[in-house]
Amino acid sequence: MNQKIIRDSHDYPGNFAYQEFLPDDLTNTPFYEPGENAREKQTKDFLHQRWQGKYNY
């Protein structure tokens, strides 16, 4: 069994620990694609900052 270390987000800057909990075959799979309206652009910017471009936000 492939066990992963779970990091406490509160121990990292911005309360975000760069980690995934998905099965390996779903790793790097985006599940949300923000639109171009003002609110979703804010969400897109937030996700880009957090994931550092991982999902092409």
PDB file of N, CA and C in Angstrom:
ATOM      1  N   MET A   1       0.845  -1.186   0.000  1.00  0.00           N
ATOM      2  CA  MET A   1       0.000   0.000   0.000  1.00  0.00           C
ATOM      3  C   MET A   1       0.887   1.245   0.000  1.00  0.00           C
ATOM      4  N   ASN A   2       0.587   2.165  -0.878  1.00  0.00           N
ATOM      5  CA  ASN A   2       1.352   3.404  -0.995  1.00  0.00           C
ATOM      6  C   ASN A   2       0.814   4.440  -0.015  1.00  0.00           C
ATOM      7  N   GLN A   3       1.492   4.620   1.107  1.00  0.00           N
ATOM      8  CA  GLN A   3       1.038   5.580   2.108  1.00  0.00           C
ATOM      9  C   GLN A   3       1.687   6.925   1.857  1.00  0.00           C
ATOM     10  N   LYS A   4       0.901   7.983   2.040  1.00  0.00           N
ATOM     11  CA  LYS A   4       1.404   9.335   1.851  1.00  0.00           C
ATOM     12  C   LYS A   4       1.427  10.059   3.195  1.00  0.00           C
ATOM     13  N   ILE A   5       2.387  10.914   3.347  1.00  0.00           N
ATOM     14  CA  ILE A   5       2.483  11.719   4.560  1.00  0.00           C
ATOM     15  C   ILE A   5       1.492  12.871   4.434  1.00  0.00           C
ATOM     16  N   ILE A   6       0.664  13.042   5.433  1.00  0.00           N
ATOM     17  CA  ILE A   6      -0.292  14.144   5.441  1.00  0.00           C
ATOM     18  C   ILE A   6       0.333  15.306   6.200  1.00  0.00           C
ATOM     19  N   ARG A   7       0.418  16.437   5.530  1.00  0.00           N
ATOM     20  CA  ARG A   7       0.999  17.637   6.132  1.00  0.00           C
ATOM     21  C   ARG A   7      -0.117  18.529   6.661  1.00  0.00           C
ATOM     22  N   ASP A   8       0.103  19.132   7.806  1.00  0.00           N
ATOM     23  CA  ASP A   8      -0.871  20.062   8.380  1.00  0.00           C
ATOM     24  C   ASP A   8      -0.725  21.403   7.679  1.00  0.00           C
ATOM     25  N   SER A   9      -1.758  21.828   6.993  1.00  0.00           N
ATOM     26  CA  SER A   9      -1.721  23.086   6.237  1.00  0.00           C
ATOM     27  C   SER A   9      -1.375  24.281   7.110  1.00  0.00           C
ATOM     28  N   HIS A  10      -1.742  24.218   8.382  1.00  0.00           N
ATOM     29  CA  HIS A  10      -1.478  25.340   9.282  1.00  0.00           C
ATOM     30  C   HIS A  10       0.004  25.550   9.561  1.00  0.00           C
ATOM     31  N   ASP A  11       0.826  24.601   9.195  1.00  0.00           N
ATOM     32  CA  ASP A  11       2.263  24.722   9.395  1.00  0.00           C
ATOM     33  C   ASP A  11       2.970  25.371   8.205  1.00  0.00           C
ATOM     34  N   TYR A  12       2.227  25.777   7.194  1.00  0.00           N
ATOM     35  CA  TYR A  12       2.812  26.314   5.959  1.00  0.00           C
ATOM     36  C   TYR A  12       2.315  27.727   5.684  1.00  0.00           C
ATOM     37  N   PRO A  13       3.106  28.511   4.966  1.00  0.00           N
ATOM     38  CA  PRO A  13       2.696  29.875   4.636  1.00  0.00           C
ATOM     39  C   PRO A  13       1.353  29.888   3.891  1.00  0.00           C
ATOM     40  N   GLY A  14       0.488  30.793   4.295  1.00  0.00           N
ATOM     41  CA  GLY A  14      -0.812  30.902   3.662  1.00  0.00           C
ATOM     42  C   GLY A  14      -1.737  29.744   3.987  1.00  0.00           C
ATOM     43  N   ASN A  15      -1.360  28.934   4.978  1.00  0.00           N
ATOM     44  CA  ASN A  15      -2.144  27.761   5.377  1.00  0.00           C
ATOM     45  C   ASN A  15      -2.422  26.820   4.210  1.00  0.00           C
ATOM     46  N   PHE A  16      -1.416  26.616   3.376  1.00  0.00           N
ATOM     47  CA  PHE A  16      -1.565  25.739   2.217  1.00  0.00           C
ATOM     48  C   PHE A  16      -0.360  24.817   2.107  1.00  0.00           C
ATOM     49  N   ALA A  17      -0.611  23.539   2.171  1.00  0.00           N
ATOM     50  CA  ALA A  17       0.443  22.538   1.981  1.00  0.00           C
ATOM     51  C   ALA A  17       0.245  21.922   0.605  1.00  0.00           C
ATOM     52  N   TYR A  18       1.231  22.032  -0.242  1.00  0.00           N
ATOM     53  CA  TYR A  18       1.178  21.547  -1.615  1.00  0.00           C
ATOM     54  C   TYR A  18       1.150  20.024  -1.589  1.00  0.00           C
ATOM     55  N   GLN A  19      -0.061  19.456  -1.588  1.00  0.00           N
ATOM     56  CA  GLN A  19      -0.206  18.008  -1.530  1.00  0.00           C
ATOM     57  C   GLN A  19      -1.536  17.590  -2.142  1.00  0.00           C
ATOM     58  N   GLU A  20      -1.619  16.345  -2.527  1.00  0.00           N
ATOM     59  CA  GLU A  20      -2.854  15.786  -3.078  1.00  0.00           C
ATOM     60  C   GLU A  20      -3.208  14.528  -2.313  1.00  0.00           C
ATOM     61  N   PHE A  21      -4.494  14.218  -2.301  1.00  0.00           N
ATOM     62  CA  PHE A  21      -4.974  13.016  -1.627  1.00  0.00           C
ATOM     63  C   PHE A  21      -5.685  12.081  -2.600  1.00  0.00           C
ATOM     64  N   LEU A  22      -5.541  12.351  -3.870  1.00  0.00           N
ATOM     65  CA  LEU A  22      -6.205  11.548  -4.888  1.00  0.00           C
ATOM     66  C   LEU A  22      -5.408  10.288  -5.189  1.00  0.00           C
ATOM     67  N   PRO A  23      -6.077   9.266  -5.703  1.00  0.00           N
ATOM     68  CA  PRO A  23      -5.331   8.083  -6.147  1.00  0.00           C
ATOM     69  C   PRO A  23      -4.354   8.472  -7.253  1.00  0.00           C
ATOM     70  N   ASP A  24      -3.292   7.726  -7.397  1.00  0.00           N
ATOM     71  CA  ASP A  24      -2.238   8.060  -8.358  1.00  0.00           C
ATOM     72  C   ASP A  24      -2.764   8.251  -9.781  1.00  0.00           C
ATOM     73  N   ASP A  25      -3.764   7.464 -10.178  1.00  0.00           N
ATOM     74  CA  ASP A  25      -4.264   7.595 -11.551  1.00  0.00           C
ATOM     75  C   ASP A  25      -5.063   8.877 -11.771  1.00  0.00           C
ATOM     76  N   LEU A  26      -5.383   9.614 -10.698  1.00  0.00           N
ATOM     77  CA  LEU A  26      -6.073  10.908 -10.823  1.00  0.00           C
ATOM     78  C   LEU A  26      -5.156  12.097 -10.536  1.00  0.00           C
ATOM     79  N   THR A  27      -3.925  11.846 -10.156  1.00  0.00           N
ATOM     80  CA  THR A  27      -2.981  12.919  -9.872  1.00  0.00           C
ATOM     81  C   THR A  27      -2.843  13.822 -11.100  1.00  0.00           C
ATOM     82  N   ASN A  28      -2.802  15.115 -10.856  1.00  0.00           N
ATOM     83  CA  ASN A  28      -2.686  16.158 -11.892  1.00  0.00           C
ATOM     84  C   ASN A  28      -3.944  16.315 -12.743  1.00  0.00           C
ATOM     85  N   THR A  29      -5.066  15.772 -12.303  1.00  0.00           N
ATOM     86  CA  THR A  29      -6.321  15.911 -13.020  1.00  0.00           C
ATOM     87  C   THR A  29      -7.075  17.124 -12.487  1.00  0.00           C
ATOM     88  N   PRO A  30      -7.320  18.137 -13.322  1.00  0.00           N
ATOM     89  CA  PRO A  30      -8.112  19.278 -12.858  1.00  0.00           C
ATOM     90  C   PRO A  30      -9.596  18.905 -12.813  1.00  0.00           C
ATOM     91  N   PHE A  31     -10.287  19.345 -11.765  1.00  0.00           N
ATOM     92  CA  PHE A  31     -11.711  19.071 -11.628  1.00  0.00           C
ATOM     93  C   PHE A  31     -12.548  20.336 -11.734  1.00  0.00           C
ATOM     94  N   TYR A  32     -11.896  21.455 -11.903  1.00  0.00           N
ATOM     95  CA  TYR A  32     -12.596  22.731 -11.990  1.00  0.00           C
ATOM     96  C   TYR A  32     -11.846  23.624 -12.958  1.00  0.00           C
ATOM     97  N   GLU A  33     -12.579  24.266 -13.841  1.00  0.00           N
ATOM     98  CA  GLU A  33     -11.990  25.224 -14.767  1.00  0.00           C
ATOM     99  C   GLU A  33     -12.749  26.536 -14.639  1.00  0.00           C
ATOM    100  N   PRO A  34     -12.133  27.546 -14.022  1.00  0.00           N
ATOM    101  CA  PRO A  34     -12.829  28.816 -13.815  1.00  0.00           C
ATOM    102  C   PRO A  34     -13.137  29.514 -15.134  1.00  0.00           C
ATOM    103  N   GLY A  35     -14.273  30.205 -15.152  1.00  0.00           N
ATOM    104  CA  GLY A  35     -14.663  30.993 -16.315  1.00  0.00           C
ATOM    105  C   GLY A  35     -13.958  32.343 -16.318  1.00  0.00           C
ATOM    106  N   GLU A  36     -14.461  33.254 -17.117  1.00  0.00           N
ATOM    107  CA  GLU A  36     -13.802  34.552 -17.282  1.00  0.00           C
ATOM    108  C   GLU A  36     -14.538  35.701 -16.600  1.00  0.00           C
ATOM    109  N   ASN A  37     -15.635  35.423 -15.864  1.00  0.00           N
ATOM    110  CA  ASN A  37     -16.287  36.532 -15.169  1.00  0.00           C
ATOM    111  C   ASN A  37     -15.420  36.979 -13.987  1.00  0.00           C
ATOM    112  N   ALA A  38     -15.736  38.120 -13.418  1.00  0.00           N
ATOM    113  CA  ALA A  38     -14.866  38.736 -12.399  1.00  0.00           C
ATOM    114  C   ALA A  38     -14.634  37.819 -11.195  1.00  0.00           C
ATOM    115  N   ARG A  39     -15.676  37.190 -10.691  1.00  0.00           N
ATOM    116  CA  ARG A  39     -15.531  36.348  -9.498  1.00  0.00           C
ATOM    117  C   ARG A  39     -14.689  35.106  -9.796  1.00  0.00           C
ATOM    118  N   GLU A  40     -14.922  34.493 -10.942  1.00  0.00           N
ATOM    119  CA  GLU A  40     -14.152  33.303 -11.274  1.00  0.00           C
ATOM    120  C   GLU A  40     -12.715  33.652 -11.618  1.00  0.00           C
ATOM    121  N   LYS A  41     -12.468  34.859 -12.117  1.00  0.00           N
ATOM    122  CA  LYS A  41     -11.087  35.289 -12.345  1.00  0.00           C
ATOM    123  C   LYS A  41     -10.357  35.401 -11.016  1.00  0.00           C
ATOM    124  N   GLN A  42     -11.045  35.898  -9.980  1.00  0.00           N
ATOM    125  CA  GLN A  42     -10.440  35.957  -8.644  1.00  0.00           C
ATOM    126  C   GLN A  42     -10.102  34.542  -8.158  1.00  0.00           C
ATOM    127  N   THR A  43     -11.019  33.622  -8.385  1.00  0.00           N
ATOM    128  CA  THR A  43     -10.787  32.231  -7.990  1.00  0.00           C
ATOM    129  C   THR A  43      -9.614  31.646  -8.765  1.00  0.00           C
ATOM    130  N   LYS A  44      -9.562  31.938 -10.059  1.00  0.00           N
ATOM    131  CA  LYS A  44      -8.465  31.461 -10.895  1.00  0.00           C
ATOM    132  C   LYS A  44      -7.119  31.990 -10.396  1.00  0.00           C
ATOM    133  N   ASP A  45      -7.068  33.269 -10.059  1.00  0.00           N
ATOM    134  CA  ASP A  45      -5.835  33.868  -9.533  1.00  0.00           C
ATOM    135  C   ASP A  45      -5.433  33.224  -8.208  1.00  0.00           C
ATOM    136  N   PHE A  46      -6.434  32.978  -7.351  1.00  0.00           N
ATOM    137  CA  PHE A  46      -6.182  32.341  -6.060  1.00  0.00           C
ATOM    138  C   PHE A  46      -5.609  30.928  -6.269  1.00  0.00           C
ATOM    139  N   LEU A  47      -6.234  30.145  -7.157  1.00  0.00           N
ATOM    140  CA  LEU A  47      -5.764  28.785  -7.419  1.00  0.00           C
ATOM    141  C   LEU A  47      -4.379  28.777  -8.056  1.00  0.00           C
ATOM    142  N   HIS A  48      -4.127  29.732  -8.922  1.00  0.00           N
ATOM    143  CA  HIS A  48      -2.795  29.832  -9.537  1.00  0.00           C
ATOM    144  C   HIS A  48      -1.737  30.101  -8.476  1.00  0.00           C
ATOM    145  N   GLN A  49      -2.061  31.007  -7.564  1.00  0.00           N
ATOM    146  CA  GLN A  49      -1.117  31.320  -6.481  1.00  0.00           C
ATOM    147  C   GLN A  49      -0.856  30.094  -5.613  1.00  0.00           C
ATOM    148  N   ARG A  50      -1.902  29.382  -5.271  1.00  0.00           N
ATOM    149  CA  ARG A  50      -1.754  28.222  -4.399  1.00  0.00           C
ATOM    150  C   ARG A  50      -1.036  27.063  -5.087  1.00  0.00           C
ATOM    151  N   TRP A  51      -1.465  26.707  -6.298  1.00  0.00           N
ATOM    152  CA  TRP A  51      -0.945  25.538  -6.981  1.00  0.00           C
ATOM    153  C   TRP A  51       0.253  25.846  -7.862  1.00  0.00           C
ATOM    154  N   GLN A  52       0.663  27.109  -7.914  1.00  0.00           N
ATOM    155  CA  GLN A  52       1.871  27.520  -8.633  1.00  0.00           C
ATOM    156  C   GLN A  52       1.870  27.022 -10.072  1.00  0.00           C
ATOM    157  N   GLY A  53       0.718  27.140 -10.729  1.00  0.00           N
ATOM    158  CA  GLY A  53       0.626  26.787 -12.127  1.00  0.00           C
ATOM    159  C   GLY A  53       0.431  25.314 -12.423  1.00  0.00           C
ATOM    160  N   LYS A  54       0.305  24.480 -11.387  1.00  0.00           N
ATOM    161  CA  LYS A  54       0.207  23.031 -11.597  1.00  0.00           C
ATOM    162  C   LYS A  54      -0.928  22.642 -12.546  1.00  0.00           C
ATOM    163  N   TYR A  55      -2.072  23.266 -12.399  1.00  0.00           N
ATOM    164  CA  TYR A  55      -3.230  22.918 -13.226  1.00  0.00           C
ATOM    165  C   TYR A  55      -3.486  23.945 -14.310  1.00  0.00           C
ATOM    166  N   ASN A  56      -2.488  24.736 -14.629  1.00  0.00           N
ATOM    167  CA  ASN A  56      -2.610  25.763 -15.689  1.00  0.00           C
ATOM    168  C   ASN A  56      -3.696  26.786 -15.410  1.00  0.00           C
ATOM    169  N   TYR A  57      -3.874  27.143 -14.146  1.00  0.00           N
ATOM    170  CA  TYR A  57      -4.828  28.208 -13.819  1.00  0.00           C
ATOM    171  C   TYR A  57      -4.238  29.543 -14.208  1.00  0.00           C
TER     172      TYR A  57
END
